[in-house]
N, C-alpha and C. Protein backbone atom coordinates (compact mmCIF):
# COMPACT_ATOMS: atom_id res chain seq x y z
N GLY A 1 0.81 -1.20 0.00
CA GLY A 1 0.00 0.00 0.00
C GLY A 1 0.84 1.25 0.00
N VAL A 2 0.43 2.21 0.80
CA VAL A 2 1.09 3.51 0.86
C VAL A 2 2.55 3.37 1.27
N PHE A 3 2.83 2.50 2.25
CA PHE A 3 4.21 2.32 2.70
C PHE A 3 5.09 1.79 1.56
N GLN A 4 4.59 0.81 0.84
CA GLN A 4 5.36 0.24 -0.27
C GLN A 4 5.66 1.30 -1.33
N ALA A 5 4.67 2.10 -1.67
CA ALA A 5 4.86 3.14 -2.69
C ALA A 5 5.89 4.17 -2.23
N GLY A 6 5.81 4.60 -0.98
CA GLY A 6 6.76 5.57 -0.45
C GLY A 6 8.17 5.01 -0.37
N TYR A 7 8.28 3.77 0.07
CA TYR A 7 9.58 3.12 0.18
C TYR A 7 10.21 2.96 -1.20
N ASP A 8 9.43 2.50 -2.16
CA ASP A 8 9.92 2.31 -3.52
C ASP A 8 10.38 3.64 -4.12
N ALA A 9 9.61 4.69 -3.90
CA ALA A 9 9.98 6.00 -4.45
C ALA A 9 11.28 6.51 -3.84
N SER A 10 11.44 6.33 -2.52
CA SER A 10 12.66 6.82 -1.87
C SER A 10 13.88 6.00 -2.30
N MET A 11 13.71 4.69 -2.47
CA MET A 11 14.84 3.85 -2.87
C MET A 11 15.26 4.10 -4.31
N ARG A 12 14.34 4.51 -5.15
CA ARG A 12 14.66 4.77 -6.55
C ARG A 12 15.09 6.21 -6.80
N GLY A 13 14.98 7.06 -5.78
CA GLY A 13 15.30 8.47 -5.94
C GLY A 13 16.68 8.79 -5.42
N SER A 14 16.73 9.75 -4.49
CA SER A 14 18.02 10.25 -3.99
C SER A 14 18.80 9.17 -3.24
N VAL A 15 18.11 8.25 -2.57
CA VAL A 15 18.82 7.19 -1.85
C VAL A 15 19.62 6.34 -2.83
N GLN A 16 19.01 5.97 -3.93
CA GLN A 16 19.70 5.16 -4.93
C GLN A 16 20.89 5.92 -5.52
N GLN A 17 20.69 7.18 -5.85
CA GLN A 17 21.77 7.98 -6.44
C GLN A 17 22.94 8.11 -5.48
N GLN A 18 22.66 8.41 -4.22
CA GLN A 18 23.72 8.54 -3.21
C GLN A 18 24.43 7.20 -2.99
N ALA A 19 23.65 6.11 -2.93
CA ALA A 19 24.24 4.79 -2.69
C ALA A 19 25.19 4.40 -3.83
N LEU A 20 24.78 4.64 -5.05
CA LEU A 20 25.63 4.32 -6.19
C LEU A 20 26.88 5.20 -6.19
N HIS A 21 26.70 6.49 -5.94
CA HIS A 21 27.82 7.43 -5.94
C HIS A 21 28.84 7.10 -4.86
N ASN A 22 28.37 6.74 -3.65
CA ASN A 22 29.25 6.48 -2.51
C ASN A 22 29.61 5.02 -2.33
N HIS A 23 29.15 4.15 -3.25
CA HIS A 23 29.38 2.70 -3.13
C HIS A 23 28.90 2.19 -1.77
N THR A 24 27.70 2.58 -1.41
CA THR A 24 27.14 2.25 -0.10
C THR A 24 26.60 0.83 -0.08
N VAL A 25 26.96 0.13 0.99
CA VAL A 25 26.39 -1.19 1.26
C VAL A 25 25.79 -1.11 2.65
N GLN A 26 24.50 -1.35 2.75
CA GLN A 26 23.80 -1.28 4.02
C GLN A 26 23.10 -2.59 4.28
N SER A 27 23.24 -3.08 5.50
CA SER A 27 22.50 -4.28 5.88
C SER A 27 21.99 -4.11 7.30
N CYS A 28 20.93 -4.81 7.59
CA CYS A 28 20.29 -4.72 8.90
C CYS A 28 20.16 -6.12 9.47
N THR A 29 20.58 -6.29 10.72
CA THR A 29 20.45 -7.57 11.40
C THR A 29 19.48 -7.40 12.56
N VAL A 30 18.35 -8.07 12.46
CA VAL A 30 17.36 -8.02 13.54
C VAL A 30 17.86 -8.90 14.68
N GLN A 31 17.95 -8.31 15.87
CA GLN A 31 18.41 -9.05 17.03
C GLN A 31 17.25 -9.55 17.89
N ARG A 32 16.24 -8.74 18.05
CA ARG A 32 15.09 -9.11 18.88
C ARG A 32 13.84 -8.49 18.28
N ALA A 33 12.71 -9.16 18.45
CA ALA A 33 11.43 -8.62 18.02
C ALA A 33 10.35 -9.15 18.95
N GLY A 34 9.35 -8.32 19.20
CA GLY A 34 8.26 -8.72 20.07
C GLY A 34 6.96 -8.03 19.68
N ILE A 35 5.87 -8.62 20.09
CA ILE A 35 4.53 -8.10 19.79
C ILE A 35 4.12 -7.08 20.85
N VAL A 36 3.77 -5.89 20.38
CA VAL A 36 3.26 -4.86 21.28
C VAL A 36 1.75 -4.99 21.39
N SER A 37 1.08 -5.15 20.24
CA SER A 37 -0.37 -5.31 20.25
C SER A 37 -0.79 -6.09 19.01
N LEU A 38 -1.97 -6.67 19.11
CA LEU A 38 -2.54 -7.44 18.01
C LEU A 38 -4.04 -7.18 18.02
N ASP A 39 -4.57 -6.70 16.90
CA ASP A 39 -5.98 -6.36 16.79
C ASP A 39 -6.63 -7.27 15.75
N ALA A 40 -7.44 -8.20 16.21
CA ALA A 40 -8.09 -9.14 15.30
C ALA A 40 -9.10 -8.46 14.38
N ASP A 41 -9.73 -7.40 14.87
CA ASP A 41 -10.73 -6.70 14.05
C ASP A 41 -10.10 -6.01 12.85
N THR A 42 -9.00 -5.30 13.06
CA THR A 42 -8.37 -4.57 11.95
C THR A 42 -7.30 -5.40 11.25
N GLN A 43 -7.00 -6.59 11.81
CA GLN A 43 -5.95 -7.44 11.25
C GLN A 43 -4.61 -6.72 11.22
N GLN A 44 -4.32 -5.99 12.31
CA GLN A 44 -3.06 -5.28 12.42
C GLN A 44 -2.33 -5.71 13.68
N ALA A 45 -1.01 -5.70 13.59
CA ALA A 45 -0.16 -5.97 14.74
C ALA A 45 0.92 -4.90 14.79
N VAL A 46 1.29 -4.49 15.99
CA VAL A 46 2.40 -3.58 16.18
C VAL A 46 3.54 -4.39 16.77
N VAL A 47 4.71 -4.28 16.15
CA VAL A 47 5.88 -5.07 16.53
C VAL A 47 7.02 -4.11 16.88
N LEU A 48 7.71 -4.40 17.98
CA LEU A 48 8.90 -3.65 18.37
C LEU A 48 10.10 -4.46 17.91
N VAL A 49 11.00 -3.83 17.16
CA VAL A 49 12.16 -4.51 16.59
C VAL A 49 13.44 -3.82 17.05
N PHE A 50 14.36 -4.60 17.61
CA PHE A 50 15.70 -4.12 17.94
C PHE A 50 16.64 -4.71 16.91
N ALA A 51 17.46 -3.87 16.27
CA ALA A 51 18.34 -4.32 15.21
C ALA A 51 19.64 -3.53 15.21
N VAL A 52 20.58 -3.99 14.40
CA VAL A 52 21.84 -3.28 14.19
C VAL A 52 21.95 -3.00 12.70
N LEU A 53 22.19 -1.75 12.36
CA LEU A 53 22.35 -1.33 10.98
C LEU A 53 23.84 -1.22 10.70
N SER A 54 24.30 -1.88 9.64
CA SER A 54 25.70 -1.85 9.23
C SER A 54 25.80 -1.08 7.92
N LEU A 55 26.74 -0.14 7.87
CA LEU A 55 26.88 0.71 6.69
C LEU A 55 28.35 0.84 6.33
N THR A 56 28.67 0.53 5.09
CA THR A 56 30.00 0.82 4.56
C THR A 56 29.82 1.65 3.30
N ASP A 57 30.79 2.54 3.03
CA ASP A 57 30.76 3.33 1.81
C ASP A 57 32.17 3.75 1.47
N SER A 58 32.31 4.57 0.46
CA SER A 58 33.64 4.95 -0.02
C SER A 58 34.44 5.75 1.01
N THR A 59 33.79 6.33 1.99
CA THR A 59 34.49 7.11 3.01
C THR A 59 34.77 6.32 4.29
N HIS A 60 34.16 5.15 4.44
CA HIS A 60 34.35 4.32 5.63
C HIS A 60 34.75 2.91 5.22
N ALA A 61 36.00 2.56 5.46
CA ALA A 61 36.46 1.22 5.11
C ALA A 61 35.85 0.17 6.04
N ASP A 62 35.74 0.54 7.33
CA ASP A 62 35.14 -0.38 8.30
C ASP A 62 33.66 -0.08 8.41
N ALA A 63 32.90 -1.13 8.68
CA ALA A 63 31.45 -0.97 8.81
C ALA A 63 31.12 -0.06 9.98
N GLN A 64 30.21 0.88 9.74
CA GLN A 64 29.68 1.74 10.79
C GLN A 64 28.43 1.05 11.33
N LEU A 65 28.46 0.68 12.62
CA LEU A 65 27.34 -0.04 13.23
C LEU A 65 26.50 0.91 14.06
N SER A 66 25.19 0.84 13.89
CA SER A 66 24.26 1.68 14.65
C SER A 66 23.11 0.83 15.16
N PRO A 67 22.86 0.86 16.48
CA PRO A 67 21.68 0.17 16.98
C PRO A 67 20.43 0.97 16.60
N ILE A 68 19.39 0.28 16.21
CA ILE A 68 18.12 0.95 15.90
C ILE A 68 16.98 0.20 16.57
N SER A 69 15.95 0.95 16.86
CA SER A 69 14.72 0.35 17.38
C SER A 69 13.58 0.88 16.53
N LEU A 70 12.76 -0.03 16.06
CA LEU A 70 11.69 0.33 15.13
C LEU A 70 10.34 -0.09 15.67
N ASN A 71 9.36 0.75 15.44
CA ASN A 71 7.97 0.44 15.73
C ASN A 71 7.35 0.13 14.37
N VAL A 72 6.98 -1.13 14.16
CA VAL A 72 6.51 -1.58 12.86
C VAL A 72 5.05 -2.02 12.97
N THR A 73 4.20 -1.42 12.16
CA THR A 73 2.81 -1.84 12.10
C THR A 73 2.67 -2.81 10.94
N MET A 74 2.20 -4.01 11.26
CA MET A 74 2.00 -5.06 10.26
C MET A 74 0.51 -5.17 9.94
N GLN A 75 0.19 -5.37 8.67
CA GLN A 75 -1.20 -5.54 8.23
C GLN A 75 -1.33 -6.91 7.58
N ARG A 76 -2.35 -7.64 8.00
CA ARG A 76 -2.58 -8.95 7.38
C ARG A 76 -3.31 -8.74 6.05
N ILE A 77 -2.69 -9.21 4.98
CA ILE A 77 -3.26 -9.15 3.63
C ILE A 77 -3.30 -10.59 3.13
N GLY A 78 -4.50 -11.15 3.05
CA GLY A 78 -4.62 -12.57 2.69
C GLY A 78 -4.00 -13.42 3.78
N THR A 79 -2.99 -14.20 3.41
CA THR A 79 -2.30 -15.05 4.39
C THR A 79 -0.94 -14.47 4.80
N SER A 80 -0.62 -13.27 4.32
CA SER A 80 0.68 -12.66 4.60
C SER A 80 0.54 -11.47 5.55
N TRP A 81 1.58 -11.23 6.32
CA TRP A 81 1.68 -10.04 7.15
C TRP A 81 2.68 -9.11 6.47
N LEU A 82 2.23 -7.91 6.08
CA LEU A 82 3.06 -6.96 5.36
C LEU A 82 3.20 -5.67 6.17
N ILE A 83 4.32 -4.97 5.98
CA ILE A 83 4.56 -3.72 6.69
C ILE A 83 3.61 -2.65 6.16
N ALA A 84 2.85 -2.05 7.08
CA ALA A 84 1.95 -0.94 6.73
C ALA A 84 2.59 0.40 7.06
N SER A 85 3.41 0.44 8.13
CA SER A 85 4.15 1.65 8.48
C SER A 85 5.31 1.27 9.39
N MET A 86 6.28 2.19 9.45
CA MET A 86 7.46 1.92 10.27
C MET A 86 8.03 3.26 10.72
N SER A 87 8.44 3.33 11.99
CA SER A 87 9.03 4.55 12.51
C SER A 87 10.03 4.21 13.59
N ASP A 88 10.83 5.19 13.97
CA ASP A 88 11.78 5.04 15.06
C ASP A 88 10.98 4.88 16.35
N ALA A 89 11.19 3.77 17.05
CA ALA A 89 10.40 3.50 18.26
C ALA A 89 10.68 4.52 19.35
N GLY A 90 11.86 5.12 19.37
CA GLY A 90 12.19 6.09 20.40
C GLY A 90 11.40 7.38 20.29
N GLN A 91 10.73 7.59 19.18
CA GLN A 91 9.97 8.83 19.00
C GLN A 91 8.52 8.70 19.43
N LEU A 92 8.09 7.51 19.77
CA LEU A 92 6.67 7.29 20.06
C LEU A 92 6.46 6.92 21.52
N VAL A 93 5.43 7.43 22.09
CA VAL A 93 4.97 6.98 23.40
C VAL A 93 3.58 6.41 23.17
N ARG A 94 3.48 5.09 23.19
CA ARG A 94 2.24 4.42 22.84
C ARG A 94 1.55 3.89 24.09
N THR A 95 0.70 4.69 24.66
CA THR A 95 -0.01 4.25 25.86
C THR A 95 -1.39 3.69 25.52
N ASP A 96 -1.79 3.80 24.26
CA ASP A 96 -3.13 3.37 23.87
C ASP A 96 -3.19 1.91 23.43
N LEU A 97 -2.06 1.23 23.40
CA LEU A 97 -2.03 -0.15 22.91
C LEU A 97 -2.08 -1.13 24.07
N SER A 98 -2.81 -2.20 23.88
CA SER A 98 -2.82 -3.24 24.90
C SER A 98 -2.25 -4.51 24.31
N PRO A 99 -1.44 -5.22 25.08
CA PRO A 99 -0.79 -6.41 24.57
C PRO A 99 -1.79 -7.56 24.39
N PRO A 100 -1.47 -8.48 23.49
CA PRO A 100 -2.33 -9.65 23.33
C PRO A 100 -2.04 -10.66 24.43
N GLY A 101 -2.98 -11.56 24.66
CA GLY A 101 -2.70 -12.66 25.57
C GLY A 101 -3.66 -12.76 26.73
N THR A 102 -3.31 -13.63 27.62
CA THR A 102 -4.12 -13.92 28.80
C THR A 102 -4.02 -12.76 29.80
N PRO A 103 -4.91 -12.73 30.77
CA PRO A 103 -4.80 -11.70 31.82
C PRO A 103 -3.44 -11.74 32.53
N ASP A 104 -2.89 -12.94 32.73
CA ASP A 104 -1.58 -13.04 33.38
C ASP A 104 -0.49 -12.40 32.54
N LEU A 105 -0.54 -12.59 31.23
CA LEU A 105 0.46 -12.00 30.35
C LEU A 105 0.32 -10.48 30.31
N ILE A 106 -0.90 -10.01 30.28
CA ILE A 106 -1.15 -8.57 30.30
C ILE A 106 -0.64 -7.97 31.62
N ALA A 107 -0.84 -8.69 32.73
CA ALA A 107 -0.33 -8.23 34.02
C ALA A 107 1.19 -8.22 34.03
N ALA A 108 1.84 -9.20 33.37
CA ALA A 108 3.30 -9.24 33.29
C ALA A 108 3.83 -8.03 32.53
N VAL A 109 3.15 -7.65 31.45
CA VAL A 109 3.57 -6.48 30.67
C VAL A 109 3.45 -5.21 31.53
N ALA A 110 2.34 -5.08 32.24
CA ALA A 110 2.15 -3.91 33.12
C ALA A 110 3.22 -3.87 34.21
N ALA A 111 3.52 -5.03 34.79
CA ALA A 111 4.54 -5.10 35.84
C ALA A 111 5.92 -4.76 35.27
N GLY A 112 6.22 -5.25 34.06
CA GLY A 112 7.49 -4.94 33.42
C GLY A 112 7.63 -3.46 33.13
N ARG A 113 6.55 -2.84 32.64
CA ARG A 113 6.57 -1.40 32.37
C ARG A 113 6.86 -0.62 33.65
N THR A 114 6.17 -0.98 34.73
CA THR A 114 6.35 -0.29 36.01
C THR A 114 7.76 -0.52 36.56
N ALA A 115 8.25 -1.76 36.50
CA ALA A 115 9.56 -2.07 37.06
C ALA A 115 10.67 -1.32 36.32
N VAL A 116 10.60 -1.27 34.99
CA VAL A 116 11.63 -0.55 34.24
C VAL A 116 11.52 0.95 34.51
N ASN A 117 10.30 1.45 34.57
CA ASN A 117 10.12 2.88 34.88
C ASN A 117 10.75 3.22 36.23
N ASN A 118 10.57 2.35 37.21
CA ASN A 118 11.17 2.57 38.53
C ASN A 118 12.70 2.53 38.47
N LEU A 119 13.25 1.70 37.58
CA LEU A 119 14.71 1.57 37.48
C LEU A 119 15.37 2.76 36.78
N ILE A 120 14.63 3.54 36.04
CA ILE A 120 15.24 4.64 35.30
C ILE A 120 14.90 6.01 35.90
N ASN A 121 14.24 6.02 37.03
CA ASN A 121 13.87 7.29 37.68
C ASN A 121 14.37 7.33 39.12
N TYR A 122 15.37 8.19 39.36
CA TYR A 122 15.89 8.41 40.71
C TYR A 122 16.08 9.91 40.90
N ARG A 123 15.60 10.41 42.02
CA ARG A 123 15.82 11.82 42.36
C ARG A 123 16.66 11.87 43.63
N ARG A 124 17.58 12.82 43.65
CA ARG A 124 18.47 12.93 44.80
C ARG A 124 17.70 13.16 46.10
N GLY A 125 16.66 13.99 46.04
CA GLY A 125 15.90 14.33 47.24
C GLY A 125 15.11 13.17 47.83
N SER A 126 14.83 12.17 47.02
CA SER A 126 14.05 11.00 47.50
C SER A 126 14.75 9.71 47.09
N PHE A 127 16.08 9.75 47.02
CA PHE A 127 16.83 8.62 46.48
C PHE A 127 16.56 7.32 47.24
N ALA A 128 16.56 7.36 48.55
CA ALA A 128 16.39 6.13 49.34
C ALA A 128 15.05 5.46 49.02
N SER A 129 13.98 6.23 49.00
CA SER A 129 12.67 5.63 48.71
C SER A 129 12.55 5.25 47.23
N ASP A 130 13.13 6.05 46.33
CA ASP A 130 13.11 5.70 44.90
C ASP A 130 13.85 4.39 44.67
N PHE A 131 15.00 4.24 45.35
CA PHE A 131 15.79 3.03 45.16
C PHE A 131 15.06 1.80 45.69
N GLU A 132 14.45 1.93 46.85
CA GLU A 132 13.69 0.80 47.41
C GLU A 132 12.53 0.43 46.49
N ARG A 133 11.86 1.44 45.93
CA ARG A 133 10.76 1.18 44.99
C ARG A 133 11.28 0.42 43.77
N SER A 134 12.48 0.78 43.30
CA SER A 134 13.03 0.10 42.11
C SER A 134 13.34 -1.36 42.42
N LEU A 135 13.72 -1.67 43.64
CA LEU A 135 14.02 -3.06 44.00
C LEU A 135 12.76 -3.91 44.07
N SER A 136 11.62 -3.30 44.32
CA SER A 136 10.38 -4.07 44.50
C SER A 136 9.95 -4.80 43.24
N GLY A 137 10.42 -4.38 42.06
CA GLY A 137 10.05 -5.05 40.82
C GLY A 137 11.09 -6.03 40.33
N LEU A 138 12.09 -6.34 41.16
CA LEU A 138 13.18 -7.21 40.74
C LEU A 138 13.17 -8.53 41.50
N GLY A 139 13.60 -9.58 40.82
CA GLY A 139 13.81 -10.86 41.48
C GLY A 139 15.05 -10.77 42.36
N SER A 140 15.32 -11.81 43.13
CA SER A 140 16.39 -11.74 44.13
C SER A 140 17.77 -11.52 43.51
N THR A 141 18.09 -12.17 42.40
CA THR A 141 19.41 -12.00 41.79
C THR A 141 19.58 -10.59 41.23
N ALA A 142 18.58 -10.12 40.49
CA ALA A 142 18.64 -8.77 39.93
C ALA A 142 18.65 -7.72 41.03
N ALA A 143 17.91 -7.95 42.10
CA ALA A 143 17.88 -7.00 43.22
C ALA A 143 19.25 -6.91 43.89
N ALA A 144 19.92 -8.05 44.05
CA ALA A 144 21.26 -8.06 44.66
C ALA A 144 22.25 -7.30 43.76
N GLN A 145 22.15 -7.49 42.45
CA GLN A 145 23.03 -6.78 41.52
C GLN A 145 22.77 -5.27 41.59
N GLN A 146 21.50 -4.89 41.62
CA GLN A 146 21.16 -3.47 41.68
C GLN A 146 21.59 -2.87 43.01
N ARG A 147 21.42 -3.61 44.07
CA ARG A 147 21.83 -3.14 45.40
C ARG A 147 23.33 -2.85 45.41
N ALA A 148 24.12 -3.67 44.72
CA ALA A 148 25.57 -3.45 44.64
C ALA A 148 25.89 -2.15 43.90
N ASN A 149 25.02 -1.73 43.00
CA ASN A 149 25.23 -0.49 42.23
C ASN A 149 24.74 0.76 42.96
N GLU A 150 24.02 0.58 44.05
CA GLU A 150 23.40 1.71 44.74
C GLU A 150 24.38 2.83 45.09
N PRO A 151 25.52 2.52 45.74
CA PRO A 151 26.41 3.63 46.12
C PRO A 151 26.95 4.40 44.91
N SER A 152 27.32 3.70 43.84
CA SER A 152 27.89 4.39 42.69
C SER A 152 26.84 5.25 41.98
N ILE A 153 25.60 4.79 41.93
CA ILE A 153 24.53 5.58 41.32
C ILE A 153 24.31 6.86 42.12
N HIS A 154 24.19 6.69 43.44
CA HIS A 154 23.93 7.83 44.33
C HIS A 154 25.08 8.83 44.30
N ASP A 155 26.32 8.32 44.38
CA ASP A 155 27.49 9.20 44.36
C ASP A 155 27.58 9.98 43.05
N ALA A 156 27.33 9.31 41.92
CA ALA A 156 27.40 9.99 40.62
C ALA A 156 26.35 11.09 40.52
N MET A 157 25.16 10.80 41.01
CA MET A 157 24.09 11.81 40.96
C MET A 157 24.44 13.02 41.83
N ASN A 158 24.97 12.77 43.03
CA ASN A 158 25.32 13.86 43.94
C ASN A 158 26.49 14.68 43.41
N SER A 159 27.53 14.01 42.94
CA SER A 159 28.70 14.76 42.45
C SER A 159 28.38 15.49 41.15
N GLY A 160 27.49 14.93 40.33
CA GLY A 160 27.13 15.57 39.08
C GLY A 160 26.00 16.58 39.21
N GLY A 161 25.33 16.59 40.36
CA GLY A 161 24.23 17.53 40.58
C GLY A 161 23.04 17.29 39.66
N TYR A 162 22.67 16.02 39.48
CA TYR A 162 21.55 15.71 38.59
C TYR A 162 20.65 14.62 39.18
N ASP A 163 19.42 14.59 38.68
CA ASP A 163 18.48 13.50 38.94
C ASP A 163 18.41 12.67 37.66
N LEU A 164 18.01 11.42 37.77
CA LEU A 164 17.80 10.57 36.60
C LEU A 164 16.30 10.49 36.35
N VAL A 165 15.88 10.94 35.17
CA VAL A 165 14.47 11.03 34.84
C VAL A 165 14.24 10.31 33.52
N GLY A 166 13.23 9.45 33.47
CA GLY A 166 12.97 8.74 32.23
C GLY A 166 11.54 8.30 32.10
N ASN A 167 11.23 7.73 30.95
CA ASN A 167 9.91 7.15 30.74
C ASN A 167 10.02 5.96 29.81
N VAL A 168 9.13 5.02 29.99
CA VAL A 168 9.06 3.84 29.13
C VAL A 168 8.27 4.21 27.89
N VAL A 169 8.84 3.96 26.72
CA VAL A 169 8.21 4.31 25.46
C VAL A 169 7.34 3.15 24.95
N GLU A 170 7.88 1.94 25.00
CA GLU A 170 7.17 0.80 24.42
C GLU A 170 7.56 -0.48 25.13
N VAL A 171 6.61 -1.38 25.28
CA VAL A 171 6.86 -2.71 25.84
C VAL A 171 6.29 -3.73 24.87
N ALA A 172 7.09 -4.75 24.56
CA ALA A 172 6.66 -5.81 23.65
C ALA A 172 6.91 -7.17 24.29
N ILE A 173 6.12 -8.14 23.87
CA ILE A 173 6.28 -9.51 24.36
C ILE A 173 7.11 -10.28 23.34
N GLU A 174 8.32 -10.68 23.75
CA GLU A 174 9.16 -11.46 22.85
C GLU A 174 8.84 -12.95 22.97
N ASP A 175 8.61 -13.39 24.19
CA ASP A 175 8.37 -14.81 24.42
C ASP A 175 7.55 -14.95 25.70
N ALA A 176 6.69 -15.94 25.73
CA ALA A 176 5.91 -16.20 26.94
C ALA A 176 5.71 -17.69 27.08
N GLY A 177 5.83 -18.15 28.29
CA GLY A 177 5.65 -19.57 28.58
C GLY A 177 4.99 -19.71 29.93
N PHE A 178 5.09 -20.88 30.48
CA PHE A 178 4.47 -21.15 31.78
C PHE A 178 5.25 -20.44 32.88
N GLY A 179 4.66 -19.42 33.43
CA GLY A 179 5.25 -18.72 34.57
C GLY A 179 6.35 -17.74 34.24
N ALA A 180 6.62 -17.48 32.96
CA ALA A 180 7.69 -16.54 32.61
C ALA A 180 7.35 -15.84 31.30
N ALA A 181 7.80 -14.61 31.19
CA ALA A 181 7.64 -13.85 29.95
C ALA A 181 8.90 -13.04 29.73
N THR A 182 9.35 -12.98 28.49
CA THR A 182 10.48 -12.14 28.12
C THR A 182 9.92 -10.92 27.42
N LEU A 183 10.20 -9.75 27.99
CA LEU A 183 9.68 -8.50 27.46
C LEU A 183 10.82 -7.69 26.86
N LEU A 184 10.53 -6.99 25.79
CA LEU A 184 11.44 -6.02 25.21
C LEU A 184 10.92 -4.65 25.60
N VAL A 185 11.78 -3.82 26.15
CA VAL A 185 11.36 -2.51 26.65
C VAL A 185 12.29 -1.46 26.07
N ILE A 186 11.70 -0.39 25.56
CA ILE A 186 12.49 0.76 25.12
C ILE A 186 12.02 1.97 25.90
N GLY A 187 13.00 2.77 26.31
CA GLY A 187 12.66 3.97 27.06
C GLY A 187 13.69 5.05 26.86
N ASP A 188 13.43 6.20 27.43
CA ASP A 188 14.34 7.33 27.40
C ASP A 188 14.72 7.67 28.83
N ARG A 189 15.98 8.06 29.02
CA ARG A 189 16.39 8.54 30.33
C ARG A 189 17.41 9.65 30.12
N TYR A 190 17.31 10.66 30.95
CA TYR A 190 18.25 11.78 30.84
C TYR A 190 18.60 12.29 32.23
N GLN A 191 19.64 13.08 32.27
CA GLN A 191 20.08 13.68 33.52
C GLN A 191 19.44 15.07 33.61
N ALA A 192 18.68 15.28 34.68
CA ALA A 192 18.04 16.58 34.91
C ALA A 192 18.84 17.31 35.98
N THR A 193 19.50 18.39 35.58
CA THR A 193 20.32 19.16 36.52
C THR A 193 19.46 20.19 37.25
N ASP A 194 20.04 20.77 38.28
CA ASP A 194 19.31 21.74 39.10
C ASP A 194 18.88 22.95 38.30
N ASP A 195 19.65 23.33 37.29
CA ASP A 195 19.29 24.52 36.52
C ASP A 195 18.52 24.14 35.27
């Protein structure tokens, strides 16, 4: 549809000319992918994709590697799932999507979103309570590892005069089984200084 026409036009236009001129070779390796949502009525699925883009050209002898995260909307056409749209996942905050699956799986996604959000938000003024809250979403091994990082996180924030502030952009289900789910999470975090 529209995505195919736009993609074809861009590949045959300036992208093609630049690629030929610069001897560009680009490849993408998908490392992880998971389902964000699935709508049976519209026959659409939203997929979160983590990949590495490799680029070589006449100015770079060694491959330039870039991690990318994509939010891909898939449309079922007949028996095939085709890309309907694609964008940088870091630019979207999708709170309107609900994951597919059982109530337990949906609860796991909500818990994962909350746990990661807690791990990327620490304020100096409430560090002790923020840190304890972040531990509440972790299993014993992960909690012990995070506890070992507590002094260095706190010291860095105090010496740098910043708080750590972030938000979860997207959560996808990569795998789910009996009693366990593997989630893919993308978020933003930045240092918020006093000024």
